[in-house]
């Protein structure tokens, strides 16, 4: 259910202050807000976020040796085939595509797990929780999507909290790229690629309603260019 989004200027001030604490380059004063005063915000349905996390988990499993037939059978048995994007399907079935780009989705999965309340933090100074694999479907054991949903008992974050974290990662994405461009030190153990993947998941899952927002984008249509 959509709720009133927090004041974007107050959220932005908090995001910039946290970037200052991390000693990252700060975004310019004209850096756009993610939403406008008076907008509403909500998360995609929990089942949709769970499905996206599960699909990316299978894609990652293919990166690390899961046979194509096993991956396809799991997706079919879990009734998720219709939610797999064309690039993902080409990779799952035939190994076609940029292997490295799919490996990077590990951090997107981590952000989705955070949104679902399965992971406790989304700290930009820390890599994904070592327990992440345990929080996802147990593919070697044949755990289905429905069985995993029953086991995981997701407790999604509030849309207001998710919106604030999205704004932070929107700013972080700029700051990390700028730091890498100028050769400045990064504050933690992850790089701009990981930050971008986390932002990708947040941009996809957090939906705003207001006069300046387009309909929610599909996974492959998320715009990370700004």
C-alpha atoms as a PDB file:
ATOM      1  CA  UNK A   1       0.000   0.000   0.000  1.00  0.00           C
ATOM      2  CA  UNK A   2       1.297   3.440  -0.951  1.00  0.00           C
ATOM      3  CA  UNK A   3       2.108   5.859   1.869  1.00  0.00           C
ATOM      4  CA  UNK A   4       3.341   9.441   1.947  1.00  0.00           C
ATOM      5  CA  UNK A   5       7.013   9.605   1.031  1.00  0.00           C
ATOM      6  CA  UNK A   6       9.298  11.404   3.499  1.00  0.00           C
ATOM      7  CA  UNK A   7      10.492  14.918   2.798  1.00  0.00           C
ATOM      8  CA  UNK A   8      13.059  14.372   0.013  1.00  0.00           C
ATOM      9  CA  UNK A   9      15.155  17.370   1.064  1.00  0.00           C
ATOM     10  CA  UNK A  10      15.522  16.119   4.636  1.00  0.00           C
ATOM     11  CA  UNK A  11      16.397  12.653   3.356  1.00  0.00           C
ATOM     12  CA  UNK A  12      18.948  14.124   0.944  1.00  0.00           C
ATOM     13  CA  UNK A  13      20.552  16.133   3.743  1.00  0.00           C
ATOM     14  CA  UNK A  14      20.930  12.939   5.766  1.00  0.00           C
ATOM     15  CA  UNK A  15      22.358  11.087   2.747  1.00  0.00           C
ATOM     16  CA  UNK A  16      24.957  13.777   2.117  1.00  0.00           C
ATOM     17  CA  UNK A  17      25.933  13.919   5.784  1.00  0.00           C
ATOM     18  CA  UNK A  18      26.523  10.177   5.784  1.00  0.00           C
ATOM     19  CA  UNK A  19      28.630  10.478   2.633  1.00  0.00           C
ATOM     20  CA  UNK A  20      30.642  13.189   4.355  1.00  0.00           C
ATOM     21  CA  UNK A  21      31.219  10.801   7.264  1.00  0.00           C
ATOM     22  CA  UNK A  22      32.451   8.187   4.783  1.00  0.00           C
ATOM     23  CA  UNK A  23      34.783  10.812   3.259  1.00  0.00           C
ATOM     24  CA  UNK A  24      33.367  10.314  -0.208  1.00  0.00           C
ATOM     25  CA  UNK A  25      33.060  13.016  -2.876  1.00  0.00           C
ATOM     26  CA  UNK A  26      29.735  14.793  -2.396  1.00  0.00           C
ATOM     27  CA  UNK A  27      27.194  15.104  -5.206  1.00  0.00           C
ATOM     28  CA  UNK A  28      26.788  18.585  -6.714  1.00  0.00           C
ATOM     29  CA  UNK A  29      24.121  20.914  -5.368  1.00  0.00           C
ATOM     30  CA  UNK A  30      22.008  20.415  -8.492  1.00  0.00           C
ATOM     31  CA  UNK A  31      22.023  16.619  -8.120  1.00  0.00           C
ATOM     32  CA  UNK A  32      18.356  15.647  -8.680  1.00  0.00           C
ATOM     33  CA  UNK A  33      16.068  14.389  -5.959  1.00  0.00           C
ATOM     34  CA  UNK A  34      14.673  10.874  -6.325  1.00  0.00           C
ATOM     35  CA  UNK A  35      11.135  12.046  -5.584  1.00  0.00           C
ATOM     36  CA  UNK A  36       9.267  15.283  -4.954  1.00  0.00           C
ATOM     37  CA  UNK A  37       7.405  16.604  -1.895  1.00  0.00           C
ATOM     38  CA  UNK A  38       3.906  15.168  -1.791  1.00  0.00           C
ATOM     39  CA  UNK A  39       4.756  11.956  -3.662  1.00  0.00           C
ATOM     40  CA  UNK A  40       3.720   8.554  -2.380  1.00  0.00           C
ATOM     41  CA  UNK A  41       5.905   5.467  -2.102  1.00  0.00           C
ATOM     42  CA  UNK A  42       5.379   1.724  -1.846  1.00  0.00           C
ATOM     43  CA  UNK A  43       7.323  -1.480  -2.344  1.00  0.00           C
ATOM     44  CA  UNK A  44       6.566  -3.961  -5.059  1.00  0.00           C
ATOM     45  CA  UNK A  45       4.504  -6.911  -3.788  1.00  0.00           C
ATOM     46  CA  UNK A  46       6.492  -9.189  -1.529  1.00  0.00           C
ATOM     47  CA  UNK A  47       6.009 -12.196  -3.817  1.00  0.00           C
ATOM     48  CA  UNK A  48       7.392 -10.201  -6.742  1.00  0.00           C
ATOM     49  CA  UNK A  49      10.524  -9.211  -4.801  1.00  0.00           C
ATOM     50  CA  UNK A  50      10.954 -12.809  -3.633  1.00  0.00           C
ATOM     51  CA  UNK A  51      10.612 -14.044  -7.209  1.00  0.00           C
ATOM     52  CA  UNK A  52      13.230 -11.609  -8.482  1.00  0.00           C
ATOM     53  CA  UNK A  53      15.647 -12.639  -5.715  1.00  0.00           C
ATOM     54  CA  UNK A  54      15.086 -16.324  -6.498  1.00  0.00           C
ATOM     55  CA  UNK A  55      15.614 -15.842 -10.237  1.00  0.00           C
ATOM     56  CA  UNK A  56      18.844 -13.929  -9.707  1.00  0.00           C
ATOM     57  CA  UNK A  57      19.929 -16.659  -7.289  1.00  0.00           C
ATOM     58  CA  UNK A  58      19.475 -19.228 -10.071  1.00  0.00           C
ATOM     59  CA  UNK A  59      21.365 -17.010 -12.520  1.00  0.00           C
ATOM     60  CA  UNK A  60      24.234 -16.804 -10.041  1.00  0.00           C
ATOM     61  CA  UNK A  61      24.122 -20.569  -9.549  1.00  0.00           C
ATOM     62  CA  UNK A  62      24.538 -20.969 -13.319  1.00  0.00           C
ATOM     63  CA  UNK A  63      27.599 -18.701 -13.107  1.00  0.00           C
ATOM     64  CA  UNK A  64      29.148 -21.156 -10.671  1.00  0.00           C
ATOM     65  CA  UNK A  65      28.382 -24.421 -12.390  1.00  0.00           C
ATOM     66  CA  UNK A  66      24.705 -25.284 -12.006  1.00  0.00           C
ATOM     67  CA  UNK A  67      23.724 -27.249 -15.153  1.00  0.00           C
ATOM     68  CA  UNK A  68      21.327 -25.518 -17.549  1.00  0.00           C
ATOM     69  CA  UNK A  69      18.825 -28.373 -17.367  1.00  0.00           C
ATOM     70  CA  UNK A  70      18.739 -28.241 -13.566  1.00  0.00           C
ATOM     71  CA  UNK A  71      18.260 -24.464 -13.601  1.00  0.00           C
ATOM     72  CA  UNK A  72      15.458 -24.677 -16.161  1.00  0.00           C
ATOM     73  CA  UNK A  73      13.740 -27.482 -14.246  1.00  0.00           C
ATOM     74  CA  UNK A  74      13.850 -25.475 -11.024  1.00  0.00           C
ATOM     75  CA  UNK A  75      12.395 -22.381 -12.676  1.00  0.00           C
ATOM     76  CA  UNK A  76       9.666 -24.432 -14.344  1.00  0.00           C
ATOM     77  CA  UNK A  77       8.820 -26.284 -11.147  1.00  0.00           C
ATOM     78  CA  UNK A  78       8.641 -23.000  -9.238  1.00  0.00           C
ATOM     79  CA  UNK A  79       6.469 -21.363 -11.930  1.00  0.00           C
ATOM     80  CA  UNK A  80       8.913 -18.482 -12.383  1.00  0.00           C
ATOM     81  CA  UNK A  81       9.784 -18.854 -16.070  1.00  0.00           C
ATOM     82  CA  UNK A  82       7.464 -16.013 -17.131  1.00  0.00           C
ATOM     83  CA  UNK A  83       9.359 -13.617 -14.820  1.00  0.00           C
ATOM     84  CA  UNK A  84      12.816 -14.403 -16.221  1.00  0.00           C
ATOM     85  CA  UNK A  85      14.055 -11.608 -18.495  1.00  0.00           C
ATOM     86  CA  UNK A  86      15.268 -12.442 -22.037  1.00  0.00           C
ATOM     87  CA  UNK A  87      18.969 -11.813 -21.201  1.00  0.00           C
ATOM     88  CA  UNK A  88      18.644 -14.003 -18.104  1.00  0.00           C
ATOM     89  CA  UNK A  89      16.953 -16.763 -20.078  1.00  0.00           C
ATOM     90  CA  UNK A  90      19.663 -16.735 -22.747  1.00  0.00           C
ATOM     91  CA  UNK A  91      22.291 -17.052 -20.041  1.00  0.00           C
ATOM     92  CA  UNK A  92      20.487 -19.730 -18.035  1.00  0.00           C
ATOM     93  CA  UNK A  93      19.751 -21.859 -21.090  1.00  0.00           C
ATOM     94  CA  UNK A  94      22.838 -21.354 -23.218  1.00  0.00           C
ATOM     95  CA  UNK A  95      25.435 -19.482 -21.205  1.00  0.00           C
ATOM     96  CA  UNK A  96      25.140 -16.543 -23.597  1.00  0.00           C
ATOM     97  CA  UNK A  97      25.849 -13.038 -22.302  1.00  0.00           C
ATOM     98  CA  UNK A  98      28.354 -11.271 -20.102  1.00  0.00           C
ATOM     99  CA  UNK A  99      29.245 -13.797 -17.395  1.00  0.00           C
ATOM    100  CA  UNK A 100      30.921 -11.125 -15.262  1.00  0.00           C
ATOM    101  CA  UNK A 101      27.851  -8.881 -15.275  1.00  0.00           C
ATOM    102  CA  UNK A 102      25.690 -11.723 -14.001  1.00  0.00           C
ATOM    103  CA  UNK A 103      28.178 -12.514 -11.224  1.00  0.00           C
ATOM    104  CA  UNK A 104      27.843  -8.913 -10.046  1.00  0.00           C
ATOM    105  CA  UNK A 105      24.144  -9.536  -9.361  1.00  0.00           C
ATOM    106  CA  UNK A 106      25.229 -10.994  -6.009  1.00  0.00           C
ATOM    107  CA  UNK A 107      24.910  -7.528  -4.500  1.00  0.00           C
ATOM    108  CA  UNK A 108      21.533  -6.954  -6.136  1.00  0.00           C
ATOM    109  CA  UNK A 109      20.313 -10.144  -4.453  1.00  0.00           C
ATOM    110  CA  UNK A 110      21.724  -8.870  -1.180  1.00  0.00           C
ATOM    111  CA  UNK A 111      19.736  -5.638  -1.482  1.00  0.00           C
ATOM    112  CA  UNK A 112      16.574  -7.587  -2.272  1.00  0.00           C
ATOM    113  CA  UNK A 113      17.196  -9.765   0.791  1.00  0.00           C
ATOM    114  CA  UNK A 114      17.506  -6.593   2.862  1.00  0.00           C
ATOM    115  CA  UNK A 115      14.216  -5.274   1.472  1.00  0.00           C
ATOM    116  CA  UNK A 116      12.566  -8.562   2.421  1.00  0.00           C
ATOM    117  CA  UNK A 117      13.899  -8.272   5.961  1.00  0.00           C
ATOM    118  CA  UNK A 118      16.070 -11.378   5.552  1.00  0.00           C
ATOM    119  CA  UNK A 119      19.361  -9.496   5.878  1.00  0.00           C
ATOM    120  CA  UNK A 120      19.930  -7.158   8.798  1.00  0.00           C
ATOM    121  CA  UNK A 121      21.965  -4.407   7.150  1.00  0.00           C
ATOM    122  CA  UNK A 122      22.885  -2.824   3.823  1.00  0.00           C
ATOM    123  CA  UNK A 123      26.056  -1.143   5.002  1.00  0.00           C
ATOM    124  CA  UNK A 124      28.087   0.313   2.093  1.00  0.00           C
ATOM    125  CA  UNK A 125      31.272  -0.322   4.039  1.00  0.00           C
ATOM    126  CA  UNK A 126      30.578  -4.051   4.245  1.00  0.00           C
ATOM    127  CA  UNK A 127      30.238  -6.830   1.654  1.00  0.00           C
ATOM    128  CA  UNK A 128      27.180  -9.036   1.523  1.00  0.00           C
ATOM    129  CA  UNK A 129      26.442 -11.112   4.607  1.00  0.00           C
ATOM    130  CA  UNK A 130      28.279 -14.450   4.541  1.00  0.00           C
ATOM    131  CA  UNK A 131      24.959 -16.074   5.411  1.00  0.00           C
ATOM    132  CA  UNK A 132      23.245 -14.779   2.280  1.00  0.00           C
ATOM    133  CA  UNK A 133      23.341 -18.163   0.551  1.00  0.00           C
ATOM    134  CA  UNK A 134      21.549 -19.699   3.547  1.00  0.00           C
ATOM    135  CA  UNK A 135      18.768 -17.124   3.248  1.00  0.00           C
ATOM    136  CA  UNK A 136      17.967 -18.112  -0.355  1.00  0.00           C
ATOM    137  CA  UNK A 137      16.404 -21.244  -1.885  1.00  0.00           C
ATOM    138  CA  UNK A 138      18.505 -24.351  -1.320  1.00  0.00           C
ATOM    139  CA  UNK A 139      18.906 -25.316  -4.961  1.00  0.00           C
ATOM    140  CA  UNK A 140      21.116 -28.411  -4.441  1.00  0.00           C
ATOM    141  CA  UNK A 141      18.475 -29.825  -2.088  1.00  0.00           C
ATOM    142  CA  UNK A 142      15.658 -29.108  -4.554  1.00  0.00           C
ATOM    143  CA  UNK A 143      13.878 -26.620  -2.305  1.00  0.00           C
ATOM    144  CA  UNK A 144      11.103 -25.044  -4.380  1.00  0.00           C
ATOM    145  CA  UNK A 145      10.159 -21.395  -4.496  1.00  0.00           C
ATOM    146  CA  UNK A 146       7.036 -22.026  -2.397  1.00  0.00           C
ATOM    147  CA  UNK A 147       8.973 -24.071   0.155  1.00  0.00           C
ATOM    148  CA  UNK A 148      11.562 -21.307   0.438  1.00  0.00           C
ATOM    149  CA  UNK A 149       8.875 -18.657   0.911  1.00  0.00           C
ATOM    150  CA  UNK A 150       7.391 -20.699   3.736  1.00  0.00           C
ATOM    151  CA  UNK A 151      10.808 -21.115   5.355  1.00  0.00           C
ATOM    152  CA  UNK A 152      12.088 -17.558   4.954  1.00  0.00           C
ATOM    153  CA  UNK A 153       9.038 -15.747   6.401  1.00  0.00           C
ATOM    154  CA  UNK A 154       9.846 -12.385   4.826  1.00  0.00           C
ATOM    155  CA  UNK A 155       9.102  -9.233   6.804  1.00  0.00           C
ATOM    156  CA  UNK A 156       9.509  -6.435   4.236  1.00  0.00           C
ATOM    157  CA  UNK A 157      10.990  -3.084   5.198  1.00  0.00           C
ATOM    158  CA  UNK A 158       8.712  -0.089   5.387  1.00  0.00           C
ATOM    159  CA  UNK A 159       8.449   1.901   2.138  1.00  0.00           C
ATOM    160  CA  UNK A 160       9.628   5.030   3.973  1.00  0.00           C
ATOM    161  CA  UNK A 161      12.809   3.324   5.182  1.00  0.00           C
ATOM    162  CA  UNK A 162      13.409   1.807   1.748  1.00  0.00           C
ATOM    163  CA  UNK A 163      12.981   5.203   0.071  1.00  0.00           C
ATOM    164  CA  UNK A 164      15.566   6.790   2.365  1.00  0.00           C
ATOM    165  CA  UNK A 165      18.050   3.988   1.667  1.00  0.00           C
ATOM    166  CA  UNK A 166      17.404   4.332  -2.064  1.00  0.00           C
ATOM    167  CA  UNK A 167      18.266   8.031  -1.907  1.00  0.00           C
ATOM    168  CA  UNK A 168      21.441   7.186   0.005  1.00  0.00           C
ATOM    169  CA  UNK A 169      22.499   4.621  -2.598  1.00  0.00           C
ATOM    170  CA  UNK A 170      21.583   7.010  -5.400  1.00  0.00           C
ATOM    171  CA  UNK A 171      24.082   9.467  -3.919  1.00  0.00           C
ATOM    172  CA  UNK A 172      26.571   6.704  -3.102  1.00  0.00           C
ATOM    173  CA  UNK A 173      26.540   5.513  -6.703  1.00  0.00           C
ATOM    174  CA  UNK A 174      27.681   8.953  -7.824  1.00  0.00           C
ATOM    175  CA  UNK A 175      30.192   9.264  -4.981  1.00  0.00           C
ATOM    176  CA  UNK A 176      31.827   5.874  -5.538  1.00  0.00           C
ATOM    177  CA  UNK A 177      32.146   6.412  -9.283  1.00  0.00           C
ATOM    178  CA  UNK A 178      33.646   9.852  -8.701  1.00  0.00           C
ATOM    179  CA  UNK A 179      36.047   8.489  -6.086  1.00  0.00           C
ATOM    180  CA  UNK A 180      37.226   5.801  -8.478  1.00  0.00           C
ATOM    181  CA  UNK A 181      37.545   8.356 -11.276  1.00  0.00           C
ATOM    182  CA  UNK A 182      39.835  10.642  -9.280  1.00  0.00           C
ATOM    183  CA  UNK A 183      41.661   7.864  -7.447  1.00  0.00           C
ATOM    184  CA  UNK A 184      40.292   8.703  -3.995  1.00  0.00           C
ATOM    185  CA  UNK A 185      40.171   5.928  -1.362  1.00  0.00           C
ATOM    186  CA  UNK A 186      36.915   4.049  -0.870  1.00  0.00           C
ATOM    187  CA  UNK A 187      35.560   3.769   2.667  1.00  0.00           C
ATOM    188  CA  UNK A 188      34.976   0.039   2.856  1.00  0.00           C
ATOM    189  CA  UNK A 189      35.437  -3.365   1.279  1.00  0.00           C
ATOM    190  CA  UNK A 190      33.219  -3.017  -1.798  1.00  0.00           C
ATOM    191  CA  UNK A 191      33.524  -1.030  -5.008  1.00  0.00           C
ATOM    192  CA  UNK A 192      31.289   1.025  -7.295  1.00  0.00           C
ATOM    193  CA  UNK A 193      30.019  -2.101  -9.074  1.00  0.00           C
ATOM    194  CA  UNK A 194      28.569  -3.469  -5.844  1.00  0.00           C
ATOM    195  CA  UNK A 195      27.028  -0.101  -4.958  1.00  0.00           C
ATOM    196  CA  UNK A 196      25.464   0.099  -8.428  1.00  0.00           C
ATOM    197  CA  UNK A 197      23.971  -3.383  -8.103  1.00  0.00           C
ATOM    198  CA  UNK A 198      22.415  -2.558  -4.748  1.00  0.00           C
ATOM    199  CA  UNK A 199      21.018   0.648  -6.192  1.00  0.00           C
ATOM    200  CA  UNK A 200      19.612  -1.320  -9.164  1.00  0.00           C
ATOM    201  CA  UNK A 201      17.614  -3.556  -6.822  1.00  0.00           C
ATOM    202  CA  UNK A 202      16.366  -0.610  -4.773  1.00  0.00           C
ATOM    203  CA  UNK A 203      15.386   1.397  -7.864  1.00  0.00           C
ATOM    204  CA  UNK A 204      13.389  -1.576  -9.129  1.00  0.00           C
ATOM    205  CA  UNK A 205      11.654  -2.450  -5.863  1.00  0.00           C
ATOM    206  CA  UNK A 206      10.783   1.026  -4.519  1.00  0.00           C
ATOM    207  CA  UNK A 207       7.911   2.580  -6.460  1.00  0.00           C
ATOM    208  CA  UNK A 208       6.902   6.230  -6.308  1.00  0.00           C
ATOM    209  CA  UNK A 209       3.596   7.763  -7.288  1.00  0.00           C
ATOM    210  CA  UNK A 210       3.406  11.406  -8.296  1.00  0.00           C
ATOM    211  CA  UNK A 211       3.068  13.727 -11.294  1.00  0.00           C
ATOM    212  CA  UNK A 212       6.711  13.296 -12.390  1.00  0.00           C
ATOM    213  CA  UNK A 213       7.041   9.518 -12.143  1.00  0.00           C
ATOM    214  CA  UNK A 214       6.721   7.050 -14.987  1.00  0.00           C
ATOM    215  CA  UNK A 215       5.140   3.634 -14.431  1.00  0.00           C
ATOM    216  CA  UNK A 216       7.446   1.206 -12.576  1.00  0.00           C
ATOM    217  CA  UNK A 217      10.203  -0.082 -14.845  1.00  0.00           C
ATOM    218  CA  UNK A 218      10.971  -3.718 -15.551  1.00  0.00           C
ATOM    219  CA  UNK A 219      14.187  -5.190 -14.197  1.00  0.00           C
ATOM    220  CA  UNK A 220      16.100  -4.646 -17.427  1.00  0.00           C
ATOM    221  CA  UNK A 221      14.692  -1.126 -17.878  1.00  0.00           C
ATOM    222  CA  UNK A 222      15.954   0.360 -14.601  1.00  0.00           C
ATOM    223  CA  UNK A 223      17.877   3.527 -15.463  1.00  0.00           C
ATOM    224  CA  UNK A 224      21.180   3.914 -13.610  1.00  0.00           C
ATOM    225  CA  UNK A 225      22.580   6.584 -15.927  1.00  0.00           C
ATOM    226  CA  UNK A 226      22.138   9.463 -13.456  1.00  0.00           C
END
